[in-house]
């Protein structure tokens, strides 16, 4: 009972803080994006990093044991692929990015339905995550336009995609095995056969920048290879220490999460994507088998092993609420200063136009220009969200 109350209060607190950030996101969308989309994305990246810092203070402290090479340069784009064990996988990938100051770079490929979730879904939508409908005709055009826009604005995206398509469960593994038999592709014991179509479209769309590909394998403490059924959801009967978003909300600390990362060049992946993914997932399956026996990933030749201890501070929440409090005092002062000056300026322009009709009375034209811009922006929004 106490755990459920704690989870509910924790979720309510996160939603409350996220709703405040939603208002900031909407303000940026309305007042910055129409004039400078690249600037809007840079500012929104900072808001995204703030949300991650704020949410981290509400969840158990994160400790990652990393072998291999993660992306560490926030000024360079990257594509991150990973196996998908539980619904919390994205959280730990984002935490790793946060350690290297890349929390604002993260863009996650998600199901289209998630963007309609109140508050959190709205935030992800304004963070410009990539939502797909799993309709190849629609998604291909959407991905192309999405990636073209990021590249045009020179935004250093770290795009996270789970090629397996969903979290692992026994029914999905059986379905993947049948598909592998038909297509002469390998079967795996601890991971699911990856899909290629979506990632292929993404790689084709980023050909101009050719980002590096980072292959991540994620495993959790006490993992024994148990695969849940679909009805079990993210719960386990044996591997009870494996986290989920529900257990994180309840404050249950999972221990040290293991991540193995390996970097590949764009050309290595794009030349034969199906073979590339099959080879990577074969390696993942072997790594997971090793993890079951040793509770750690083996460091390959030349690979480093490091422990990332992520900060767990309430300071970001304090900054957020301090900003909200100050806005209540400063915003009225700004408005009181702006409107009298604006009124005087309008009166001056009107009087001047009466006595000098040869002079263009230009302030109405500025007003009309702003209105036209607003109409075009609204039409663009309608097309984008359609």
Protein backbone atom coordinates (compact mmCIF):
# COMPACT_ATOMS: atom_id res chain seq x y z
CA UNK A 1 0.00 0.00 0.00
CA UNK A 2 2.78 2.41 0.95
CA UNK A 3 4.64 1.58 -2.27
CA UNK A 4 1.56 2.37 -4.36
CA UNK A 5 1.04 5.69 -2.58
CA UNK A 6 4.71 6.59 -3.08
CA UNK A 7 4.51 5.69 -6.79
CA UNK A 8 1.36 7.76 -7.27
CA UNK A 9 2.84 10.80 -5.51
CA UNK A 10 6.10 10.47 -7.43
CA UNK A 11 4.23 10.26 -10.75
CA UNK A 12 2.09 13.25 -9.78
CA UNK A 13 5.21 15.27 -8.94
CA UNK A 14 6.86 14.38 -12.26
CA UNK A 15 3.70 15.27 -14.18
CA UNK A 16 3.41 18.57 -12.32
CA UNK A 17 6.98 19.56 -13.19
CA UNK A 18 6.56 18.29 -16.75
CA UNK A 19 3.39 20.35 -17.18
CA UNK A 20 5.34 23.48 -16.23
CA UNK A 21 7.96 22.61 -18.83
CA UNK A 22 5.13 21.99 -21.33
CA UNK A 23 4.12 25.63 -20.96
CA UNK A 24 7.70 26.70 -21.65
CA UNK A 25 7.82 24.37 -24.65
CA UNK A 26 4.60 25.80 -26.07
CA UNK A 27 5.90 29.35 -25.59
CA UNK A 28 9.10 28.51 -27.47
CA UNK A 29 7.09 26.82 -30.22
CA UNK A 30 4.87 29.86 -30.69
CA UNK A 31 7.38 32.69 -30.28
CA UNK A 32 10.78 31.32 -31.37
CA UNK A 33 10.21 28.53 -33.90
CA UNK A 34 8.37 30.66 -36.53
CA UNK A 35 11.36 33.01 -36.77
CA UNK A 36 14.41 30.74 -36.28
CA UNK A 37 13.89 26.99 -36.28
CA UNK A 38 17.57 26.18 -35.67
CA UNK A 39 17.66 28.46 -32.61
CA UNK A 40 14.41 26.92 -31.40
CA UNK A 41 15.92 23.44 -31.56
CA UNK A 42 19.03 24.50 -29.66
CA UNK A 43 16.97 26.10 -26.90
CA UNK A 44 14.60 23.12 -26.79
CA UNK A 45 17.63 20.86 -26.39
CA UNK A 46 18.46 22.77 -23.21
CA UNK A 47 14.87 22.35 -21.98
CA UNK A 48 15.11 18.64 -22.77
CA UNK A 49 18.30 18.33 -20.72
CA UNK A 50 16.58 20.18 -17.86
CA UNK A 51 13.65 17.74 -17.99
CA UNK A 52 16.06 14.82 -17.82
CA UNK A 53 17.92 16.32 -14.84
CA UNK A 54 14.63 17.06 -13.12
CA UNK A 55 13.22 13.56 -13.70
CA UNK A 56 16.47 11.95 -12.55
CA UNK A 57 15.97 13.52 -9.13
CA UNK A 58 12.65 11.65 -8.84
CA UNK A 59 13.99 8.21 -9.76
CA UNK A 60 16.57 6.01 -8.01
CA UNK A 61 20.20 6.93 -8.55
CA UNK A 62 21.63 5.54 -11.79
CA UNK A 63 24.88 3.61 -11.96
CA UNK A 64 26.10 2.28 -15.31
CA UNK A 65 28.97 -0.09 -16.04
CA UNK A 66 30.02 0.62 -19.61
CA UNK A 67 32.34 -1.42 -21.78
CA UNK A 68 33.34 -0.19 -25.21
CA UNK A 69 32.76 3.20 -26.79
CA UNK A 70 29.72 5.43 -26.29
CA UNK A 71 29.10 8.68 -28.20
CA UNK A 72 30.84 11.43 -26.24
CA UNK A 73 30.83 14.46 -28.57
CA UNK A 74 27.51 16.37 -28.38
CA UNK A 75 28.46 18.39 -31.45
CA UNK A 76 28.37 15.34 -33.75
CA UNK A 77 25.25 13.42 -34.88
CA UNK A 78 24.95 9.70 -34.15
CA UNK A 79 22.53 6.82 -34.54
CA UNK A 80 22.14 4.48 -31.55
CA UNK A 81 20.70 0.99 -31.93
CA UNK A 82 19.99 -1.33 -29.01
CA UNK A 83 18.23 -4.49 -27.87
CA UNK A 84 14.91 -3.95 -26.11
CA UNK A 85 14.44 -5.90 -22.86
CA UNK A 86 12.07 -3.65 -20.88
CA UNK A 87 10.27 -0.32 -21.11
CA UNK A 88 13.06 1.34 -19.11
CA UNK A 89 15.79 0.72 -21.70
CA UNK A 90 15.44 4.22 -23.16
CA UNK A 91 15.89 5.73 -19.70
CA UNK A 92 19.35 4.23 -19.24
CA UNK A 93 20.46 5.12 -22.75
CA UNK A 94 19.36 8.68 -22.06
CA UNK A 95 21.24 8.61 -18.75
CA UNK A 96 24.42 7.56 -20.55
CA UNK A 97 23.95 10.48 -22.95
CA UNK A 98 23.34 12.77 -19.98
CA UNK A 99 26.73 11.82 -18.52
CA UNK A 100 28.41 13.11 -21.68
CA UNK A 101 26.31 16.32 -21.85
CA UNK A 102 24.23 14.88 -24.69
CA UNK A 103 20.81 14.69 -23.00
CA UNK A 104 19.53 17.49 -25.21
CA UNK A 105 20.66 15.65 -28.37
CA UNK A 106 18.53 12.55 -27.83
CA UNK A 107 15.72 11.80 -30.27
CA UNK A 108 13.89 8.50 -29.74
CA UNK A 109 11.92 6.51 -32.32
CA UNK A 110 8.53 5.72 -30.75
CA UNK A 111 5.08 4.39 -31.58
CA UNK A 112 2.77 7.07 -32.94
CA UNK A 113 0.15 6.53 -30.22
CA UNK A 114 2.52 7.73 -27.49
CA UNK A 115 2.45 11.34 -28.69
CA UNK A 116 -1.18 11.59 -27.54
CA UNK A 117 -0.38 10.74 -23.90
CA UNK A 118 -1.23 13.87 -21.88
CA UNK A 119 1.71 15.97 -20.63
CA UNK A 120 4.49 13.40 -21.23
CA UNK A 121 3.41 12.69 -24.80
CA UNK A 122 2.99 16.40 -25.50
CA UNK A 123 6.48 17.00 -24.18
CA UNK A 124 8.00 14.26 -26.35
CA UNK A 125 6.19 15.69 -29.34
CA UNK A 126 7.63 19.16 -28.72
CA UNK A 127 11.05 17.60 -28.10
CA UNK A 128 10.61 16.36 -31.68
CA UNK A 129 10.92 12.65 -31.06
CA UNK A 130 10.30 10.54 -34.16
CA UNK A 131 6.82 8.96 -34.03
CA UNK A 132 6.06 6.17 -36.51
CA UNK A 133 2.74 4.58 -37.47
CA UNK A 134 4.28 1.32 -38.73
CA UNK A 135 2.87 2.08 -42.16
CA UNK A 136 5.78 1.98 -44.57
CA UNK A 137 4.29 4.43 -47.08
CA UNK A 138 3.55 7.06 -44.44
CA UNK A 139 6.66 6.49 -42.33
CA UNK A 140 9.08 6.66 -45.27
CA UNK A 141 7.93 10.17 -46.20
CA UNK A 142 7.77 11.26 -42.57
CA UNK A 143 11.28 10.00 -41.77
CA UNK A 144 12.74 11.68 -44.86
CA UNK A 145 11.17 15.05 -43.99
CA UNK A 146 12.12 14.68 -40.32
CA UNK A 147 15.79 13.89 -40.94
CA UNK A 148 16.08 16.50 -43.70
CA UNK A 149 14.84 19.14 -41.27
CA UNK A 150 17.35 18.17 -38.55
CA UNK A 151 20.20 18.10 -41.05
CA UNK A 152 19.18 21.45 -42.56
CA UNK A 153 19.32 23.07 -39.10
CA UNK A 154 22.64 21.33 -38.38
CA UNK A 155 21.20 19.79 -35.22
CA UNK A 156 23.55 17.13 -33.75
CA UNK A 157 20.89 14.47 -33.15
CA UNK A 158 21.54 11.26 -31.26
CA UNK A 159 18.75 9.14 -32.72
CA UNK A 160 17.82 6.10 -30.61
CA UNK A 161 16.07 3.22 -32.36
CA UNK A 162 15.21 -0.29 -31.16
CA UNK A 163 15.25 -2.41 -34.36
CA UNK A 164 13.47 -5.29 -32.59
CA UNK A 165 10.31 -3.18 -32.72
CA UNK A 166 9.06 -4.01 -29.22
CA UNK A 167 10.21 -5.41 -25.89
CA UNK A 168 11.01 -9.11 -25.76
CA UNK A 169 8.34 -11.68 -24.80
CA UNK A 170 7.90 -15.37 -25.59
CA UNK A 171 5.13 -14.95 -28.17
CA UNK A 172 7.15 -12.39 -30.10
CA UNK A 173 10.27 -14.59 -29.99
CA UNK A 174 8.30 -17.50 -31.47
CA UNK A 175 6.94 -15.24 -34.19
CA UNK A 176 10.47 -14.00 -34.96
CA UNK A 177 11.75 -17.59 -35.19
CA UNK A 178 9.09 -18.47 -37.76
CA UNK A 179 9.97 -15.40 -39.79
CA UNK A 180 13.68 -16.29 -39.59
CA UNK A 181 12.98 -19.76 -40.98
CA UNK A 182 11.10 -18.31 -43.96
CA UNK A 183 13.75 -15.71 -44.76
CA UNK A 184 16.84 -17.79 -43.94
CA UNK A 185 17.93 -15.47 -41.15
CA UNK A 186 19.41 -16.51 -37.77
CA UNK A 187 17.43 -17.40 -34.65
CA UNK A 188 18.41 -15.93 -31.30
CA UNK A 189 17.84 -17.08 -27.74
CA UNK A 190 18.12 -13.87 -25.70
CA UNK A 191 17.26 -11.17 -28.24
CA UNK A 192 14.70 -10.77 -31.03
CA UNK A 193 15.44 -10.74 -34.75
CA UNK A 194 15.82 -7.06 -35.74
CA UNK A 195 13.74 -5.39 -38.42
CA UNK A 196 15.53 -3.57 -41.22
CA UNK A 197 12.97 -1.43 -43.06
CA UNK A 198 12.75 1.54 -40.69
CA UNK A 199 16.47 1.76 -40.04
CA UNK A 200 17.20 1.49 -43.77
CA UNK A 201 14.98 4.50 -44.46
CA UNK A 202 16.73 6.45 -41.69
CA UNK A 203 20.19 5.60 -43.00
CA UNK A 204 19.22 6.63 -46.52
CA UNK A 205 17.86 9.93 -45.17
CA UNK A 206 21.12 10.81 -43.35
CA UNK A 207 23.46 9.96 -46.22
CA UNK A 208 24.63 13.58 -46.44
CA UNK A 209 26.05 13.61 -42.89
CA UNK A 210 26.88 9.88 -42.53
CA UNK A 211 26.76 9.66 -38.72
CA UNK A 212 28.52 6.91 -36.81
CA UNK A 213 26.39 3.97 -35.67
CA UNK A 214 26.62 2.95 -32.00
CA UNK A 215 25.46 -0.58 -31.20
CA UNK A 216 24.40 -0.90 -27.54
CA UNK A 217 23.67 -4.11 -25.65
CA UNK A 218 21.87 -3.61 -22.34
CA UNK A 219 21.61 -6.10 -19.47
CA UNK A 220 20.35 -5.75 -15.92
CA UNK A 221 21.54 -7.23 -12.60
CA UNK A 222 20.57 -10.84 -11.88
CA UNK A 223 19.56 -11.43 -15.51
CA UNK A 224 19.25 -15.21 -15.99
CA UNK A 225 17.75 -15.31 -19.47
CA UNK A 226 14.11 -15.37 -18.39
CA UNK A 227 11.73 -14.18 -21.11
CA UNK A 228 8.29 -13.08 -19.89
CA UNK A 229 5.04 -13.87 -21.61
CA UNK A 230 3.01 -11.08 -23.15
CA UNK A 231 0.53 -11.19 -20.26
CA UNK A 232 3.34 -10.73 -17.71
CA UNK A 233 4.19 -7.37 -19.21
CA UNK A 234 7.47 -6.11 -17.77
CA UNK A 235 7.32 -8.25 -14.62
CA UNK A 236 9.48 -11.30 -14.06
CA UNK A 237 9.07 -14.41 -11.92
CA UNK A 238 12.79 -15.14 -11.60
CA UNK A 239 14.66 -12.00 -12.69
CA UNK A 240 12.81 -9.81 -10.22
CA UNK A 241 15.57 -7.18 -10.03
CA UNK A 242 15.14 -6.19 -13.68
CA UNK A 243 13.65 -2.69 -13.59
CA UNK A 244 10.64 -1.23 -15.33
CA UNK A 245 9.28 2.30 -15.32
CA UNK A 246 6.76 1.12 -12.72
CA UNK A 247 9.47 -0.12 -10.36
CA UNK A 248 11.52 3.05 -10.88
CA UNK A 249 8.49 5.16 -9.92
CA UNK A 250 8.22 3.04 -6.78
CA UNK A 251 11.82 3.95 -5.91
CA UNK A 252 13.20 0.45 -6.45
CA UNK A 253 16.91 0.70 -7.25
CA UNK A 254 18.02 -1.85 -9.87
CA UNK A 255 21.72 -1.86 -9.02
CA UNK A 256 24.39 -1.44 -11.67
CA UNK A 257 23.10 -1.57 -15.25
CA UNK A 258 25.52 -3.00 -17.81
CA UNK A 259 25.92 -1.46 -21.26
CA UNK A 260 28.25 -2.68 -23.97
CA UNK A 261 28.80 -0.15 -26.77
CA UNK A 262 30.56 -0.53 -30.09
CA UNK A 263 31.02 2.13 -32.76
CA UNK A 264 30.70 1.46 -36.49
CA UNK A 265 31.09 3.77 -39.44
CA UNK A 266 28.10 4.69 -41.57
CA UNK A 267 29.51 2.82 -44.57
CA UNK A 268 29.83 -0.42 -42.57
CA UNK A 269 26.12 -0.40 -41.80
CA UNK A 270 24.61 0.90 -45.02
CA UNK A 271 26.41 -1.42 -47.45
CA UNK A 272 24.31 -4.46 -46.39
CA UNK A 273 22.05 -3.52 -43.50
CA UNK A 274 20.38 -6.90 -43.04
CA UNK A 275 23.72 -8.70 -42.76
CA UNK A 276 25.05 -5.93 -40.52
CA UNK A 277 22.13 -6.22 -38.08
CA UNK A 278 22.17 -10.03 -38.10
CA UNK A 279 25.87 -9.99 -37.19
CA UNK A 280 25.35 -7.39 -34.45
CA UNK A 281 22.44 -9.33 -32.95
CA UNK A 282 24.41 -12.56 -33.08
CA UNK A 283 27.09 -10.80 -31.03
CA UNK A 284 24.43 -9.49 -28.65
CA UNK A 285 23.05 -12.98 -28.12
CA UNK A 286 26.53 -14.23 -27.24
CA UNK A 287 27.12 -11.27 -24.90
CA UNK A 288 23.86 -11.94 -23.10
CA UNK A 289 24.87 -15.60 -22.65
CA UNK A 290 28.17 -14.43 -21.16
CA UNK A 291 26.32 -12.01 -18.89
CA UNK A 292 24.11 -14.81 -17.55
CA UNK A 293 27.21 -16.70 -16.42
CA UNK A 294 29.34 -13.79 -15.15
CA UNK A 295 26.86 -10.97 -14.43
CA UNK A 296 29.03 -8.66 -16.55
CA UNK A 297 29.93 -8.09 -20.17
CA UNK A 298 33.36 -9.16 -21.34
CA UNK A 299 35.58 -6.29 -22.47
CA UNK A 300 36.98 -7.06 -25.90
CA UNK A 301 40.55 -6.32 -26.89
CA UNK A 302 41.28 -2.61 -26.56
CA UNK A 303 37.93 -1.80 -24.95
CA UNK A 304 37.72 0.18 -21.74
CA UNK A 305 35.50 -0.58 -18.77
CA UNK A 306 34.19 2.38 -16.79
CA UNK A 307 31.52 3.07 -14.21
CA UNK A 308 29.29 6.10 -14.75
CA UNK A 309 27.73 7.51 -11.58
CA UNK A 310 24.95 9.89 -12.55
CA UNK A 311 24.05 12.88 -10.40
CA UNK A 312 20.90 12.67 -8.32
CA UNK A 313 20.25 16.27 -7.32
CA UNK A 314 17.08 18.27 -6.66
CA UNK A 315 18.81 21.44 -7.90
CA UNK A 316 17.17 21.27 -11.38
CA UNK A 317 13.73 21.14 -9.72
CA UNK A 318 14.69 24.14 -7.57
CA UNK A 319 15.81 26.05 -10.67
CA UNK A 320 12.55 25.25 -12.41
CA UNK A 321 10.36 26.43 -9.55
CA UNK A 322 12.55 29.48 -8.93
CA UNK A 323 12.07 30.44 -12.57
CA UNK A 324 8.30 29.95 -12.30
CA UNK A 325 8.12 32.03 -9.12
CA UNK A 326 10.19 34.85 -10.60
CA UNK A 327 8.06 34.89 -13.74
CA UNK A 328 4.98 35.70 -11.66
CA UNK A 329 6.74 38.85 -10.45
CA UNK A 330 8.62 39.86 -13.60
CA UNK A 331 5.99 39.16 -16.26
CA UNK A 332 3.51 41.78 -14.96
CA UNK A 333 6.32 44.36 -14.85
CA UNK A 334 7.29 43.58 -18.43
CA UNK A 335 3.69 43.79 -19.59
CA UNK A 336 3.09 47.06 -17.72
CA UNK A 337 6.20 48.53 -19.32
CA UNK A 338 5.46 47.27 -22.81
CA UNK A 339 1.83 48.27 -23.34
CA UNK A 340 2.13 51.98 -22.42
CA UNK A 341 5.12 52.37 -24.73
CA UNK A 342 3.32 50.49 -27.49
CA UNK A 343 0.22 52.70 -27.07
CA UNK A 344 2.29 55.90 -27.27
CA UNK A 345 4.04 54.60 -30.39
CA UNK A 346 0.73 53.79 -32.12
CA UNK A 347 -0.72 57.22 -31.30
CA UNK A 348 2.42 58.91 -32.59
CA UNK A 349 2.28 56.98 -35.87
CA UNK A 350 -1.41 57.77 -36.30
CA UNK A 351 -0.98 61.51 -35.68
CA UNK A 352 2.10 61.67 -37.89
CA UNK A 353 0.23 59.99 -40.75
CA UNK A 354 -2.53 62.64 -40.57
CA UNK A 355 -0.15 65.60 -40.91
CA UNK A 356 2.18 63.98 -43.43
CA UNK A 357 0.20 61.84 -45.86
CA UNK A 358 3.19 61.51 -48.18
CA UNK A 359 4.87 59.37 -45.55
CA UNK A 360 4.00 55.69 -45.52
CA UNK A 361 2.01 54.83 -42.44
CA UNK A 362 4.00 51.66 -41.94
CA UNK A 363 2.93 50.23 -38.60
CA UNK A 364 -0.33 48.67 -39.97
CA UNK A 365 1.76 46.91 -42.62
CA UNK A 366 3.95 45.42 -39.91
CA UNK A 367 0.83 44.29 -38.09
CA UNK A 368 -0.53 42.68 -41.27
CA UNK A 369 2.81 41.01 -41.90
CA UNK A 370 2.73 39.44 -38.43
CA UNK A 371 -0.83 38.24 -39.02
CA UNK A 372 0.12 36.66 -42.36
CA UNK A 373 3.06 34.93 -40.71
CA UNK A 374 0.79 33.57 -37.98
CA UNK A 375 -1.68 32.19 -40.55
CA UNK A 376 1.12 30.46 -42.48
CA UNK A 377 2.49 29.00 -39.24
CA UNK A 378 -0.94 27.66 -38.30
CA UNK A 379 -1.34 26.06 -41.74
CA UNK A 380 2.11 24.52 -41.40
CA UNK A 381 1.19 23.12 -37.99
CA UNK A 382 -2.00 21.63 -39.40
CA UNK A 383 -0.05 19.85 -42.15
CA UNK A 384 2.66 18.68 -39.76
CA UNK A 385 0.36 17.17 -37.18
CA UNK A 386 -2.01 15.65 -39.77
